[in-house]
Amino acid sequence: MVVDGVRIAYERTGRGRPVVLAGGTGMPPVAWELCGLREELVRAGFEVITYAARGVAPSDAPAAPYSMADMAADLTGLMDALGLTAAAMVGYSLGSFTVELLARTRPDLVASAVLMAGAGPVTAVLDAVLAAEAELIATTGRMPAAFIRLQTLLSSLPPAVLRDDEEQTRTWLELLGAQKDLWTSADGEVGQATAADTWLRDPHRMAALADITVPVLVLAFEHDLYFPPRTGRAAADALPRGELTVIAGAAHGGLLTHPKETSAALRTFLTRH
């Protein structure tokens, strides 16, 4: 599907009330299949729409930088072209920013929303990560692959796994090393990083949550270094119809490390809303 000159790859699976899944930074649509969430929602009677955001193969990667307005406009154009309205929206990490913006600017498209591992104020840890990414982009034009692997590894796995489970940690490191082909081009990687940085540093972002009137589940992971439960609670409290669920034992990568618990929480919320 071409949206304002940008080719956006997507898939529709199942029949029923539509659920749109918006992935995190560099996240290919197949990740929703690997964690089992797509099939879980199809079995629950939903139609599931997944897509590759701009910059992620096989979608196009326009020249960087990007903004969250760009990312949201891509999804808006896709949903309009597919005739989707009043859909349930699930965003993970960067995808949460897209869903949050859509819920404010195109409420006709959003019946309910899940903000997973991506809601709340910026913590000191996240502030340091954003600063490091911005400096690397400014000095080298991109982020080194080794840095991305390390950053993703340390944030995705729970502390006990990183400390004690050598086999799982090395398996993740190998998987992360194979992710170099996920990006359409370097513009995609830099573009998504700059979009996230600008979004998170917007001083009005938290106050704007009050403008979202649909039911919203803030789904946090217990050991998430970027969006811990305390920031999720702040977001849920700021939302007129917000609620918080915490997945015990999981870090930022809980969608993949704790798929059963994550899918159950999402299914329960989406069935109610």
Protein backbone atom coordinates (compact mmCIF):
# COMPACT_ATOMS: atom_id res chain seq x y z
CA MET A 1 0.00 0.00 0.00
CA VAL A 2 1.39 3.43 -0.99
CA VAL A 3 0.55 6.19 1.51
CA ASP A 4 1.55 9.71 0.46
CA GLY A 5 4.34 8.28 -1.66
CA VAL A 6 5.62 5.88 1.02
CA ARG A 7 5.12 2.15 0.48
CA ILE A 8 3.84 0.52 3.68
CA ALA A 9 3.77 -3.28 3.82
CA TYR A 10 0.89 -4.82 5.78
CA GLU A 11 -1.02 -8.05 6.43
CA ARG A 12 -4.62 -8.77 7.43
CA THR A 13 -5.39 -12.02 9.26
CA GLY A 14 -8.61 -13.39 10.75
CA ARG A 15 -12.16 -12.11 10.81
CA GLY A 16 -13.98 -9.98 13.35
CA ARG A 17 -13.44 -6.67 15.10
CA PRO A 18 -10.19 -5.10 13.83
CA VAL A 19 -7.07 -4.90 15.97
CA VAL A 20 -4.07 -2.97 14.63
CA LEU A 21 -0.62 -3.88 15.99
CA ALA A 22 2.07 -1.16 15.85
CA GLY A 23 5.60 -2.44 16.47
CA GLY A 24 8.58 -1.00 18.27
CA THR A 25 11.80 0.45 16.88
CA GLY A 26 13.02 -1.66 13.96
CA MET A 27 10.40 -4.31 14.72
CA PRO A 28 9.30 -6.39 11.73
CA PRO A 29 5.65 -7.55 11.57
CA VAL A 30 6.77 -11.19 11.87
CA ALA A 31 7.63 -10.50 15.53
CA TRP A 32 3.90 -10.44 16.32
CA GLU A 33 3.69 -13.92 14.84
CA LEU A 34 6.79 -15.22 16.62
CA CYS A 35 5.47 -14.19 20.03
CA GLY A 36 2.10 -15.79 19.26
CA LEU A 37 0.01 -12.69 19.86
CA ARG A 38 -1.37 -12.46 16.33
CA GLU A 39 -2.69 -16.03 16.36
CA GLU A 40 -4.00 -15.59 19.92
CA LEU A 41 -6.11 -12.61 18.84
CA VAL A 42 -7.32 -14.37 15.69
CA ARG A 43 -8.48 -17.32 17.81
CA ALA A 44 -10.26 -14.85 20.09
CA GLY A 45 -12.34 -13.63 17.13
CA PHE A 46 -10.46 -10.53 15.97
CA GLU A 47 -9.17 -9.44 12.59
CA VAL A 48 -5.51 -8.53 13.08
CA ILE A 49 -3.69 -5.95 10.96
CA THR A 50 0.10 -5.82 11.19
CA TYR A 51 2.42 -3.54 9.24
CA ALA A 52 6.05 -2.51 8.86
CA ALA A 53 6.50 1.13 9.85
CA ARG A 54 8.49 3.43 7.59
CA GLY A 55 12.14 2.47 7.68
CA VAL A 56 11.52 -1.22 8.44
CA ALA A 57 11.81 -3.69 5.54
CA PRO A 58 9.94 -4.27 3.32
CA SER A 59 8.37 -0.80 3.73
CA ASP A 60 10.08 2.27 2.26
CA ALA A 61 12.56 4.41 4.16
CA PRO A 62 12.24 8.07 3.20
CA ALA A 63 15.14 10.36 4.04
CA ALA A 64 15.69 10.90 7.77
CA PRO A 65 14.78 12.45 10.13
CA TYR A 66 11.23 11.31 10.87
CA SER A 67 8.68 12.62 13.34
CA MET A 68 5.95 10.79 15.21
CA ALA A 69 3.52 12.84 13.12
CA ASP A 70 5.04 11.14 10.05
CA MET A 71 4.73 7.71 11.64
CA ALA A 72 1.13 8.35 12.67
CA ALA A 73 0.25 9.75 9.24
CA ASP A 74 1.49 6.54 7.61
CA LEU A 75 -0.75 4.43 9.83
CA THR A 76 -3.68 6.83 9.40
CA GLY A 77 -3.35 6.64 5.62
CA LEU A 78 -3.15 2.86 5.73
CA MET A 79 -6.24 2.55 7.91
CA ASP A 80 -8.19 5.03 5.79
CA ALA A 81 -7.27 3.13 2.63
CA LEU A 82 -8.37 -0.16 4.21
CA GLY A 83 -11.63 1.36 5.43
CA LEU A 84 -10.83 0.72 9.09
CA THR A 85 -12.55 2.75 11.80
CA ALA A 86 -13.09 2.27 15.53
CA ALA A 87 -10.30 -0.31 15.70
CA ALA A 88 -8.54 -1.55 18.79
CA MET A 89 -4.95 -0.33 18.67
CA VAL A 90 -1.98 -2.06 20.30
CA GLY A 91 1.38 -0.30 20.34
CA TYR A 92 4.67 -1.70 21.63
CA SER A 93 7.46 0.72 22.65
CA LEU A 94 7.81 3.13 19.68
CA GLY A 95 4.48 1.82 18.41
CA SER A 96 2.88 3.05 21.63
CA PHE A 97 3.85 6.59 20.67
CA THR A 98 2.12 6.14 17.30
CA VAL A 99 -1.03 4.76 18.92
CA GLU A 100 -1.05 7.49 21.55
CA LEU A 101 -0.84 10.20 18.88
CA LEU A 102 -3.56 8.58 16.77
CA ALA A 103 -5.89 8.36 19.75
CA ARG A 104 -5.53 12.13 20.16
CA THR A 105 -5.64 13.24 16.54
CA ARG A 106 -7.91 10.66 14.90
CA PRO A 107 -10.26 9.40 17.61
CA ASP A 108 -12.60 8.04 14.93
CA LEU A 109 -9.98 5.39 14.15
CA VAL A 110 -9.43 4.25 17.74
CA ALA A 111 -12.03 2.41 19.84
CA SER A 112 -9.54 1.37 22.52
CA ALA A 113 -5.78 1.38 22.93
CA VAL A 114 -2.97 -0.55 24.56
CA LEU A 115 0.28 1.27 25.30
CA MET A 116 2.79 -1.51 25.96
CA ALA A 117 6.27 -0.68 27.30
CA GLY A 118 5.98 2.87 26.01
CA ALA A 119 3.98 5.16 28.30
CA GLY A 120 4.96 7.61 30.99
CA PRO A 121 7.57 10.25 31.80
CA VAL A 122 11.23 9.91 30.81
CA THR A 123 13.36 8.23 33.45
CA ALA A 124 17.04 9.00 34.10
CA VAL A 125 18.03 5.74 32.39
CA LEU A 126 15.99 6.50 29.29
CA ASP A 127 17.32 10.06 29.27
CA ALA A 128 20.89 8.71 29.18
CA VAL A 129 20.06 6.29 26.35
CA LEU A 130 18.41 9.00 24.27
CA ALA A 131 21.42 11.28 24.78
CA ALA A 132 23.85 8.53 23.73
CA GLU A 133 21.84 7.73 20.60
CA ALA A 134 21.59 11.40 19.63
CA GLU A 135 25.34 11.93 20.07
CA LEU A 136 26.19 8.86 18.01
CA ILE A 137 23.89 9.98 15.21
CA ALA A 138 25.31 13.50 15.30
CA THR A 139 28.94 12.33 15.15
CA THR A 140 28.74 9.23 12.92
CA GLY A 141 25.46 9.57 11.06
CA ARG A 142 24.05 6.36 12.53
CA MET A 143 24.26 4.04 15.54
CA PRO A 144 26.89 1.26 15.45
CA ALA A 145 25.45 -2.25 15.26
CA ALA A 146 27.42 -3.36 18.33
CA PHE A 147 25.92 -0.53 20.37
CA ILE A 148 22.41 -1.45 19.30
CA ARG A 149 22.97 -5.11 20.14
CA LEU A 150 24.29 -4.25 23.60
CA GLN A 151 21.58 -1.73 24.31
CA THR A 152 18.81 -4.10 23.21
CA LEU A 153 20.27 -7.05 25.08
CA LEU A 154 20.61 -5.18 28.38
CA SER A 155 17.11 -3.70 28.17
CA SER A 156 15.18 -6.69 26.83
CA LEU A 157 16.10 -9.47 29.25
CA PRO A 158 15.31 -9.54 32.98
CA PRO A 159 18.27 -8.97 35.34
CA ALA A 160 18.29 -12.57 36.59
CA VAL A 161 18.56 -13.90 33.03
CA LEU A 162 21.41 -11.54 32.16
CA ARG A 163 23.23 -12.52 35.34
CA ASP A 164 22.64 -16.28 35.51
CA ASP A 165 21.33 -17.69 32.20
CA GLU A 166 24.33 -17.72 29.90
CA GLU A 167 22.61 -19.86 27.27
CA GLN A 168 19.56 -17.63 26.86
CA THR A 169 21.66 -14.47 26.91
CA ARG A 170 23.98 -15.77 24.16
CA THR A 171 20.98 -16.94 22.13
CA TRP A 172 19.54 -13.43 22.24
CA LEU A 173 22.91 -11.95 21.31
CA GLU A 174 23.05 -14.20 18.25
CA LEU A 175 19.51 -13.29 17.25
CA LEU A 176 20.26 -9.59 17.63
CA GLY A 177 23.34 -10.01 15.47
CA ALA A 178 21.13 -11.26 12.64
CA GLN A 179 18.91 -8.16 12.70
CA LYS A 180 21.03 -6.02 10.39
CA ASP A 181 18.67 -6.73 7.50
CA LEU A 182 15.56 -5.50 9.33
CA TRP A 183 16.08 -1.92 8.23
CA THR A 184 15.25 -0.77 4.72
CA SER A 185 18.25 1.57 4.91
CA ALA A 186 20.26 3.61 7.40
CA ASP A 187 17.64 6.36 7.00
CA GLY A 188 15.08 4.09 8.61
CA GLU A 189 17.21 3.44 11.68
CA VAL A 190 18.16 7.09 12.16
CA GLY A 191 14.67 8.29 11.27
CA GLN A 192 12.91 6.18 13.88
CA ALA A 193 15.47 7.07 16.55
CA THR A 194 15.07 10.80 15.97
CA ALA A 195 11.27 10.50 15.94
CA ALA A 196 11.35 8.78 19.32
CA ASP A 197 13.79 11.29 20.80
CA THR A 198 11.72 14.31 19.75
CA TRP A 199 8.51 12.69 20.97
CA LEU A 200 9.84 11.74 24.39
CA ARG A 201 11.40 15.15 24.99
CA ASP A 202 8.16 17.02 24.24
CA PRO A 203 7.36 18.85 27.53
CA HIS A 204 3.61 18.77 26.78
CA ARG A 205 3.40 15.03 26.07
CA MET A 206 2.18 13.85 29.47
CA ALA A 207 -0.42 16.62 29.82
CA ALA A 208 -1.82 15.69 26.41
CA LEU A 209 -2.85 12.27 27.74
CA ALA A 210 -5.88 13.99 29.23
CA ASP A 211 -7.22 14.47 25.68
CA ILE A 212 -7.51 10.72 25.05
CA THR A 213 -11.06 9.67 25.91
CA VAL A 214 -11.10 6.01 24.81
CA PRO A 215 -10.29 3.14 27.21
CA VAL A 216 -6.53 2.68 27.44
CA LEU A 217 -4.54 -0.16 28.95
CA VAL A 218 -1.03 0.80 30.01
CA LEU A 219 0.86 -2.50 29.98
CA ALA A 220 4.15 -2.33 31.85
CA PHE A 221 6.86 -4.92 32.50
CA GLU A 222 8.22 -5.26 36.03
CA HIS A 223 11.92 -4.90 35.14
CA ASP A 224 11.61 -2.48 32.19
CA LEU A 225 14.48 0.01 32.50
CA TYR A 226 12.92 2.43 30.00
CA PHE A 227 9.24 2.44 31.01
CA PRO A 228 9.01 0.84 34.47
CA PRO A 229 5.69 0.29 36.25
CA ARG A 230 5.97 3.60 38.12
CA THR A 231 5.95 5.57 34.86
CA GLY A 232 3.13 3.38 33.60
CA ARG A 233 1.15 4.28 36.70
CA ALA A 234 1.74 7.97 36.03
CA ALA A 235 0.43 7.56 32.48
CA ALA A 236 -2.60 5.52 33.56
CA ASP A 237 -3.47 8.13 36.18
CA ALA A 238 -3.24 10.92 33.58
CA LEU A 239 -5.57 9.13 31.15
CA PRO A 240 -9.31 9.73 31.70
CA ARG A 241 -10.04 6.02 31.18
CA GLY A 242 -6.64 4.52 31.84
CA GLU A 243 -5.78 1.32 33.67
CA LEU A 244 -2.47 -0.37 34.46
CA THR A 245 -1.39 -3.99 34.20
CA VAL A 246 2.12 -5.12 35.15
CA ILE A 247 3.67 -8.33 33.80
CA ALA A 248 5.79 -9.78 36.60
CA GLY A 249 9.35 -10.88 35.93
CA ALA A 250 9.65 -9.27 32.48
CA ALA A 251 11.91 -6.51 31.18
CA HIS A 252 11.42 -4.28 28.13
CA GLY A 253 11.40 -7.33 25.86
CA GLY A 254 8.52 -8.93 27.76
CA LEU A 255 6.46 -9.25 24.59
CA LEU A 256 8.90 -11.97 23.49
CA THR A 257 10.15 -13.34 26.83
CA HIS A 258 6.71 -13.53 28.51
CA PRO A 259 4.35 -14.05 25.55
CA LYS A 260 1.63 -16.02 27.38
CA GLU A 261 1.24 -13.50 30.18
CA THR A 262 1.33 -10.58 27.73
CA SER A 263 -1.20 -12.14 25.35
CA ALA A 264 -3.56 -12.98 28.22
CA ALA A 265 -3.52 -9.41 29.52
CA LEU A 266 -4.15 -7.99 26.03
CA ARG A 267 -6.92 -10.47 25.23
CA THR A 268 -8.69 -9.72 28.51
CA PHE A 269 -8.63 -5.97 27.91
CA LEU A 270 -9.59 -6.11 24.23
CA THR A 271 -12.48 -8.47 24.93
CA ARG A 272 -13.87 -5.94 27.41
CA HIS A 273 -13.29 -2.95 25.11
